[in-house]
Amino acid sequence: MAKVIIIGPGHPLRGGLATFNQRLAKEYIDEGHDSSIYSFSLQYPSFLFPGKTQYSNEPAPENLTIHSVINSINPFNWIKIGNRLRKEKADIVIVRFWLPFMGPALGTILRRVRKNKHTKIICIADNVIPHEKRIGDKLFTKYFLKSCDAFITMSEKVMADLRLFQKTKPAILVSHPLYDNFGEIISKEEARERLSLNQEEKIILFFGFIRKYKGLDLLLEAMAEERIKESGIKLLVAGEYYEDAKTYNEQIEKLGIKNQLILKTDFIPDSEVKYYLCAADAVIQPYRNATQSGVTPLAYHFEKPMVVTNVGGLPFLVPHEKVGLVVEPNAKDIADGILKFYPLGEQFFIPHLRNEKQKYSWSNLVKAIQSLAEY
């Protein structure tokens, strides 16, 4: 039995990183290991956080130990937590890295941990080069990466970015496991009834935080195409704005597409996720750039075909004309993809989805981490 500590967001913090960390900790526990999460007492100062709240009002996950103790902006706290973790003498510390801003805090904590000459530090890098660039990014990233022994990435793009900074330390590419902790598949009829959606309409889904790189503006342009208007297809946007909503509202008004949209632009709690995925005919990811996406494993779990843009790791994760359609990141091609999807229909993609999703297990990730810890 190994002692495994995960450093990264956990309940009551919300979002995909917390969900991932909690599911990974559960996998370790299910496989007979001792696992806990060291999360943040302060993750972002409020002026840096683009959403409405950082906190979930959902109940805490059962049978998981989550210590909310890391303050991302207090150097005295970093030393204190680093010393605490050094004394814990975990066999493996798994640390999430998604933003250079976290580099100083996490890098300092891990330098203290390394002093015990026992703990292996494995980084799961969601991003190495951030989507939105800021002063200090390179410096903070370098500082953090030096504190790790080995790396997991979940896309070739992130692996390539990692190798720009860190050329020699071991690293493994592992596909993002499926989010299988949002409940089982329910019928489209039940999901639409829960969300008060029309049972007969064609509905496509844009899901997740709304940020510039995710290309919602391109998708809105696609919805304004005459061919899409004539088809009667509706776009369900489910997710919180992580930037100024005014830009999108003005675009919607200018394009005259308000009656083609169903806007649920608040944070979607975990307990509601299955209804949105199961209500849709397909999931649309019109990203301008991407590393990997937490929406893709969600779509796999709920067996929903995807229309994704040909950027980053998305084409690798979504084999074209098998589990979905890959299009270029512009409004016309996105519209073409949506219109191509409907004649094929959901049933065309489901056998491929069921076959492909077998690759994305949590035990595969645990095995990869173990192999790096033994390196």
Protein backbone atom coordinates (compact mmCIF):
# COMPACT_ATOMS: atom_id res chain seq x y z
CA MET A 1 0.00 0.00 0.00
CA ALA A 2 1.36 3.40 -0.99
CA LYS A 3 0.73 6.73 0.67
CA VAL A 4 -0.34 9.16 -2.04
CA ILE A 5 -1.02 12.87 -1.57
CA ILE A 6 -2.62 14.96 -4.32
CA ILE A 7 -1.90 18.70 -4.30
CA GLY A 8 -4.54 20.70 -6.11
CA PRO A 9 -8.11 22.00 -5.83
CA GLY A 10 -10.66 19.94 -3.92
CA HIS A 11 -14.06 20.50 -2.30
CA PRO A 12 -15.38 23.06 -1.36
CA LEU A 13 -13.56 24.53 -4.39
CA ARG A 14 -15.47 23.71 -7.55
CA GLY A 15 -14.70 22.99 -11.20
CA GLY A 16 -13.02 20.37 -13.36
CA LEU A 17 -9.70 20.27 -11.49
CA ALA A 18 -11.41 19.54 -8.17
CA THR A 19 -13.61 16.90 -9.80
CA PHE A 20 -10.55 15.24 -11.38
CA ASN A 21 -8.51 15.25 -8.15
CA GLN A 22 -11.35 13.77 -6.14
CA ARG A 23 -11.95 11.03 -8.70
CA LEU A 24 -8.23 10.20 -8.81
CA ALA A 25 -8.03 10.03 -5.00
CA LYS A 26 -11.05 7.69 -5.04
CA GLU A 27 -9.29 5.44 -7.57
CA TYR A 28 -6.25 5.17 -5.31
CA ILE A 29 -8.43 4.35 -2.31
CA ASP A 30 -10.41 1.77 -4.33
CA GLU A 31 -7.10 0.14 -5.28
CA GLY A 32 -6.13 -0.16 -1.61
CA HIS A 33 -3.86 2.87 -1.13
CA ASP A 34 -3.90 5.70 1.41
CA SER A 35 -4.82 8.87 -0.49
CA SER A 36 -5.75 12.42 0.49
CA ILE A 37 -5.90 15.87 -1.12
CA TYR A 38 -4.12 19.03 -0.04
CA SER A 39 -6.24 21.85 -1.44
CA PHE A 40 -6.36 25.63 -1.06
CA SER A 41 -7.63 27.79 1.76
CA LEU A 42 -7.09 30.63 -0.74
CA GLN A 43 -6.79 29.59 -4.39
CA TYR A 44 -7.14 32.91 -6.22
CA PRO A 45 -7.46 36.43 -4.83
CA SER A 46 -10.98 37.52 -5.76
CA PHE A 47 -9.74 40.10 -8.27
CA LEU A 48 -8.02 37.34 -10.26
CA PHE A 49 -11.03 35.01 -10.31
CA PRO A 50 -13.25 35.58 -13.36
CA GLY A 51 -16.32 33.67 -12.21
CA LYS A 52 -19.03 34.42 -9.64
CA THR A 53 -17.71 32.19 -6.87
CA GLN A 54 -14.89 29.71 -6.39
CA TYR A 55 -16.95 27.55 -4.06
CA SER A 56 -19.41 24.73 -4.51
CA ASN A 57 -22.65 24.42 -2.57
CA GLU A 58 -22.75 20.68 -3.26
CA PRO A 59 -22.03 18.25 -0.40
CA ALA A 60 -18.43 17.12 0.12
CA PRO A 61 -17.47 13.80 -1.52
CA GLU A 62 -17.81 10.88 0.85
CA ASN A 63 -14.82 8.99 2.28
CA LEU A 64 -12.22 11.51 1.05
CA THR A 65 -9.85 13.49 3.25
CA ILE A 66 -9.37 17.01 1.88
CA HIS A 67 -7.14 19.49 3.71
CA SER A 68 -7.95 23.07 2.61
CA VAL A 69 -4.69 24.63 3.81
CA ILE A 70 -2.63 26.15 0.96
CA ASN A 71 -2.64 29.93 0.55
CA SER A 72 -1.49 30.73 -2.99
CA ILE A 73 -0.21 34.22 -2.13
CA ASN A 74 1.36 33.78 1.33
CA PRO A 75 5.05 32.67 1.25
CA PHE A 76 5.02 31.89 5.00
CA ASN A 77 2.16 29.48 4.37
CA TRP A 78 4.12 27.79 1.55
CA ILE A 79 7.02 27.04 3.89
CA LYS A 80 4.68 25.82 6.64
CA ILE A 81 2.75 23.48 4.33
CA GLY A 82 5.96 22.32 2.66
CA ASN A 83 7.40 21.35 6.03
CA ARG A 84 4.15 19.60 6.99
CA LEU A 85 4.17 17.57 3.78
CA ARG A 86 7.87 16.79 4.15
CA LYS A 87 7.11 15.18 7.53
CA GLU A 88 4.16 13.26 6.03
CA LYS A 89 6.71 11.25 3.98
CA ALA A 90 4.22 10.27 1.31
CA ASP A 91 5.50 7.76 -1.22
CA ILE A 92 4.09 9.86 -4.04
CA VAL A 93 2.96 13.47 -4.22
CA ILE A 94 0.86 14.18 -7.32
CA VAL A 95 0.70 17.89 -8.07
CA ARG A 96 -1.56 19.57 -10.59
CA PHE A 97 -0.14 22.42 -12.68
CA TRP A 98 -2.52 24.49 -14.79
CA LEU A 99 -1.46 28.12 -14.38
CA PRO A 100 1.93 29.85 -13.94
CA PHE A 101 0.42 31.95 -11.15
CA MET A 102 0.56 28.80 -8.98
CA GLY A 103 4.26 28.22 -9.74
CA PRO A 104 5.78 30.13 -6.78
CA ALA A 105 3.46 28.56 -4.18
CA LEU A 106 3.64 25.00 -5.45
CA GLY A 107 7.32 25.18 -6.38
CA THR A 108 8.25 26.37 -2.88
CA ILE A 109 6.09 23.72 -1.16
CA LEU A 110 7.62 20.95 -3.26
CA ARG A 111 11.18 22.08 -2.59
CA ARG A 112 10.50 21.54 1.12
CA VAL A 113 8.93 18.12 0.43
CA ARG A 114 12.00 16.97 -1.52
CA LYS A 115 14.16 17.41 1.56
CA ASN A 116 12.80 14.17 3.02
CA LYS A 117 14.70 12.22 0.30
CA HIS A 118 11.78 9.81 0.05
CA THR A 119 8.77 11.32 -1.72
CA LYS A 120 8.53 11.11 -5.52
CA ILE A 121 6.88 14.20 -6.99
CA ILE A 122 4.82 13.58 -10.11
CA CYS A 123 3.22 16.54 -11.89
CA ILE A 124 0.03 16.22 -13.92
CA ALA A 125 0.42 19.17 -16.28
CA ASP A 126 -2.89 20.42 -17.67
CA ASN A 127 -1.17 23.37 -19.30
CA VAL A 128 2.48 24.42 -19.41
CA ILE A 129 2.00 27.46 -21.64
CA PRO A 130 -1.24 29.16 -20.54
CA HIS A 131 -4.14 30.12 -22.79
CA GLU A 132 -3.98 33.73 -21.61
CA LYS A 133 -0.43 35.06 -21.23
CA ARG A 134 0.77 37.28 -18.37
CA ILE A 135 4.03 38.82 -17.19
CA GLY A 136 6.11 36.32 -15.22
CA ASP A 137 4.64 33.20 -16.86
CA LYS A 138 7.98 31.73 -17.99
CA LEU A 139 9.78 32.49 -14.75
CA PHE A 140 7.03 30.99 -12.57
CA THR A 141 6.70 27.92 -14.80
CA LYS A 142 10.45 27.21 -14.78
CA TYR A 143 10.55 27.58 -11.00
CA PHE A 144 7.73 25.08 -10.58
CA LEU A 145 8.94 22.48 -13.11
CA LYS A 146 12.36 22.24 -11.44
CA SER A 147 10.69 20.99 -8.26
CA CYS A 148 9.16 17.89 -9.92
CA ASP A 149 10.68 14.45 -10.60
CA ALA A 150 8.46 13.43 -13.52
CA PHE A 151 5.43 14.47 -15.52
CA ILE A 152 2.11 13.28 -16.94
CA THR A 153 0.50 15.21 -19.78
CA MET A 154 -2.86 14.49 -21.33
CA SER A 155 -2.20 15.82 -24.81
CA GLU A 156 0.66 15.90 -27.29
CA LYS A 157 0.47 19.70 -27.30
CA VAL A 158 1.19 19.94 -23.57
CA MET A 159 3.97 17.36 -23.92
CA ALA A 160 5.59 19.48 -26.63
CA ASP A 161 5.22 22.60 -24.47
CA LEU A 162 6.73 20.75 -21.50
CA ARG A 163 9.75 19.73 -23.55
CA LEU A 164 10.45 23.38 -24.37
CA PHE A 165 11.10 23.88 -20.64
CA GLN A 166 12.15 20.45 -19.40
CA LYS A 167 14.00 18.25 -21.86
CA THR A 168 15.33 15.40 -19.73
CA LYS A 169 13.02 14.40 -16.89
CA PRO A 170 10.72 11.42 -17.57
CA ALA A 171 7.25 12.21 -18.90
CA ILE A 172 4.34 10.05 -20.10
CA LEU A 173 1.35 10.97 -22.25
CA VAL A 174 -1.88 9.53 -20.80
CA SER A 175 -5.37 10.15 -22.15
CA HIS A 176 -7.68 12.12 -19.84
CA PRO A 177 -9.78 9.51 -18.01
CA LEU A 178 -13.55 9.55 -18.30
CA TYR A 179 -15.55 11.58 -15.84
CA ASP A 180 -17.70 8.70 -14.64
CA ASN A 181 -18.70 10.34 -11.36
CA PHE A 182 -21.62 12.46 -12.65
CA GLY A 183 -24.11 9.62 -12.67
CA GLU A 184 -25.29 7.17 -15.27
CA ILE A 185 -26.75 7.91 -18.69
CA ILE A 186 -30.43 8.84 -18.58
CA SER A 187 -32.87 9.09 -21.48
CA LYS A 188 -32.99 12.21 -23.61
CA GLU A 189 -36.70 12.50 -22.78
CA GLU A 190 -36.07 12.52 -19.02
CA ALA A 191 -33.19 14.99 -19.34
CA ARG A 192 -35.18 17.41 -21.48
CA GLU A 193 -38.18 17.19 -19.20
CA ARG A 194 -35.93 18.08 -16.22
CA LEU A 195 -34.52 21.11 -18.07
CA SER A 196 -37.90 22.12 -19.58
CA LEU A 197 -36.60 21.67 -23.13
CA ASN A 198 -38.70 20.83 -26.19
CA GLN A 199 -38.68 17.07 -26.80
CA GLU A 200 -38.79 17.41 -30.59
CA GLU A 201 -36.17 20.08 -31.26
CA LYS A 202 -32.67 19.52 -32.58
CA ILE A 203 -30.37 20.69 -29.75
CA ILE A 204 -26.58 20.94 -29.73
CA LEU A 205 -24.63 21.70 -26.54
CA PHE A 206 -21.75 24.05 -25.73
CA PHE A 207 -20.72 23.08 -22.20
CA GLY A 208 -18.30 24.56 -19.67
CA PHE A 209 -16.73 27.84 -18.63
CA ILE A 210 -16.98 30.50 -21.34
CA ARG A 211 -13.54 31.88 -22.19
CA LYS A 212 -12.18 33.44 -25.37
CA TYR A 213 -10.08 30.44 -26.44
CA LYS A 214 -13.16 28.19 -26.39
CA GLY A 215 -14.54 29.93 -29.48
CA LEU A 216 -18.16 30.46 -28.50
CA ASP A 217 -18.11 33.57 -30.71
CA LEU A 218 -17.28 31.37 -33.72
CA LEU A 219 -20.15 29.06 -32.83
CA LEU A 220 -22.56 32.01 -32.55
CA GLU A 221 -21.47 33.12 -36.03
CA ALA A 222 -22.14 29.60 -37.28
CA MET A 223 -25.63 29.71 -35.76
CA ALA A 224 -26.35 32.85 -37.81
CA GLU A 225 -25.74 31.01 -41.11
CA GLU A 226 -28.92 30.77 -43.18
CA ARG A 227 -28.56 26.99 -43.52
CA ILE A 228 -28.49 26.57 -39.73
CA LYS A 229 -31.44 28.94 -39.26
CA GLU A 230 -33.51 26.98 -41.80
CA SER A 231 -32.64 23.67 -40.11
CA GLY A 232 -34.27 24.72 -36.83
CA ILE A 233 -31.23 23.65 -34.79
CA LYS A 234 -31.02 25.20 -31.32
CA LEU A 235 -27.81 25.84 -29.37
CA LEU A 236 -27.85 25.18 -25.63
CA VAL A 237 -25.05 27.14 -23.92
CA ALA A 238 -24.49 25.72 -20.42
CA GLY A 239 -21.71 27.29 -18.40
CA GLU A 240 -20.57 30.38 -16.56
CA TYR A 241 -18.99 33.39 -18.24
CA TYR A 242 -15.32 33.67 -17.28
CA GLU A 243 -15.07 36.99 -19.08
CA ASP A 244 -17.38 39.91 -19.84
CA ALA A 245 -20.77 38.62 -20.98
CA LYS A 246 -21.49 41.95 -22.68
CA THR A 247 -19.41 41.06 -25.76
CA TYR A 248 -21.41 37.89 -26.35
CA ASN A 249 -24.76 39.54 -25.66
CA GLU A 250 -23.96 42.27 -28.18
CA GLN A 251 -22.91 39.64 -30.74
CA ILE A 252 -26.14 37.69 -30.22
CA GLU A 253 -28.17 40.87 -30.69
CA LYS A 254 -26.22 41.89 -33.80
CA LEU A 255 -26.56 38.45 -35.40
CA GLY A 256 -30.28 38.22 -34.57
CA ILE A 257 -30.04 34.66 -33.22
CA LYS A 258 -31.58 35.02 -29.76
CA ASN A 259 -34.49 32.71 -30.64
CA GLN A 260 -32.01 29.98 -31.70
CA LEU A 261 -30.27 29.94 -28.32
CA ILE A 262 -31.03 28.44 -24.92
CA LEU A 263 -28.75 30.26 -22.48
CA LYS A 264 -28.01 28.67 -19.09
CA THR A 265 -25.00 30.84 -18.30
CA ASP A 266 -24.55 30.02 -14.64
CA PHE A 267 -22.23 27.46 -13.09
CA ILE A 268 -23.65 23.98 -13.62
CA PRO A 269 -23.43 22.01 -10.34
CA ASP A 270 -22.18 18.43 -10.49
CA SER A 271 -25.61 17.02 -9.74
CA GLU A 272 -27.05 18.72 -12.86
CA VAL A 273 -24.31 17.84 -15.37
CA LYS A 274 -25.92 14.61 -16.60
CA TYR A 275 -29.13 16.40 -17.58
CA TYR A 276 -27.34 18.80 -19.93
CA LEU A 277 -25.22 16.12 -21.58
CA CYS A 278 -28.09 13.67 -21.95
CA ALA A 279 -30.50 16.32 -23.27
CA ALA A 280 -28.28 17.18 -26.24
CA ASP A 281 -27.98 15.51 -29.62
CA ALA A 282 -24.28 16.37 -29.81
CA VAL A 283 -21.58 18.33 -27.95
CA ILE A 284 -19.85 21.20 -29.81
CA GLN A 285 -16.29 22.29 -28.97
CA PRO A 286 -15.48 25.21 -31.32
CA TYR A 287 -12.14 25.96 -29.64
CA ARG A 288 -9.63 28.40 -31.11
CA ASN A 289 -6.83 26.54 -29.33
CA ALA A 290 -6.77 23.63 -26.95
CA THR A 291 -4.52 21.33 -25.00
CA GLN A 292 -6.98 18.70 -23.87
CA SER A 293 -10.53 19.25 -22.73
CA GLY A 294 -12.45 18.01 -19.72
CA VAL A 295 -15.63 18.25 -21.81
CA THR A 296 -14.46 15.47 -24.13
CA PRO A 297 -14.31 12.75 -21.44
CA LEU A 298 -17.71 13.94 -20.25
CA ALA A 299 -19.13 13.45 -23.74
CA TYR A 300 -17.53 10.00 -23.91
CA HIS A 301 -19.04 8.96 -20.59
CA PHE A 302 -22.53 10.04 -21.65
CA GLU A 303 -21.96 8.64 -25.16
CA LYS A 304 -22.59 11.92 -26.97
CA PRO A 305 -21.07 12.53 -30.43
CA MET A 306 -18.86 15.61 -30.72
CA VAL A 307 -18.16 18.27 -33.30
CA VAL A 308 -14.71 19.65 -32.46
CA THR A 309 -12.24 21.98 -34.11
CA ASN A 310 -8.92 20.82 -35.49
CA VAL A 311 -6.77 22.32 -32.73
CA GLY A 312 -4.48 20.96 -30.01
CA GLY A 313 -5.33 17.48 -28.75
CA LEU A 314 -8.97 17.47 -29.88
CA PRO A 315 -8.54 15.61 -33.21
CA PHE A 316 -6.55 12.88 -31.41
CA LEU A 317 -9.28 12.48 -28.80
CA VAL A 318 -12.18 12.61 -31.29
CA PRO A 319 -11.47 10.32 -34.27
CA HIS A 320 -13.16 11.88 -37.31
CA GLU A 321 -16.39 10.23 -38.49
CA LYS A 322 -16.16 7.70 -35.66
CA VAL A 323 -16.94 9.41 -32.35
CA GLY A 324 -17.57 12.78 -33.92
CA LEU A 325 -16.58 15.24 -36.62
CA VAL A 326 -13.42 17.37 -36.80
CA VAL A 327 -13.73 20.76 -38.53
CA GLU A 328 -11.56 23.83 -38.99
CA PRO A 329 -11.94 26.65 -36.43
CA ASN A 330 -14.07 29.06 -38.45
CA ALA A 331 -17.80 29.73 -38.54
CA LYS A 332 -18.48 28.20 -41.97
CA ASP A 333 -16.73 24.91 -41.22
CA ILE A 334 -18.36 24.67 -37.81
CA ALA A 335 -21.76 25.16 -39.48
CA ASP A 336 -20.84 22.50 -42.07
CA GLY A 337 -19.95 20.07 -39.26
CA ILE A 338 -23.24 20.65 -37.43
CA LEU A 339 -25.22 20.14 -40.63
CA LYS A 340 -23.24 17.02 -41.50
CA PHE A 341 -23.90 15.52 -38.08
CA TYR A 342 -27.69 15.38 -38.31
CA PRO A 343 -28.04 13.20 -41.45
CA LEU A 344 -25.57 10.75 -39.89
CA GLY A 345 -27.44 10.82 -36.58
CA GLU A 346 -26.45 9.86 -33.04
CA GLN A 347 -26.79 6.13 -33.63
CA PHE A 348 -24.04 6.23 -36.28
CA PHE A 349 -21.51 7.32 -33.65
CA ILE A 350 -22.56 5.36 -30.55
CA PRO A 351 -20.86 2.00 -31.36
CA HIS A 352 -17.59 3.87 -31.96
CA LEU A 353 -18.04 5.91 -28.77
CA ARG A 354 -18.57 2.76 -26.73
CA ASN A 355 -15.51 1.12 -28.23
CA GLU A 356 -13.23 4.14 -27.94
CA LYS A 357 -14.17 5.02 -24.36
CA GLN A 358 -12.62 1.76 -23.09
CA LYS A 359 -9.18 3.43 -23.42
CA TYR A 360 -9.91 6.12 -20.87
CA SER A 361 -9.75 4.40 -17.48
CA TRP A 362 -8.55 5.84 -14.17
CA SER A 363 -6.52 2.68 -13.51
CA ASN A 364 -4.42 3.48 -16.62
CA LEU A 365 -3.52 6.85 -15.08
CA VAL A 366 -2.63 5.25 -11.74
CA LYS A 367 -0.38 2.72 -13.52
CA ALA A 368 1.39 5.51 -15.41
CA ILE A 369 1.99 7.47 -12.19
CA GLN A 370 3.31 4.33 -10.50
CA SER A 371 5.73 3.64 -13.36
CA LEU A 372 7.13 7.18 -13.08
CA ALA A 373 7.46 6.86 -9.29
CA GLU A 374 9.57 3.74 -9.79
CA TYR A 375 11.75 5.31 -12.48
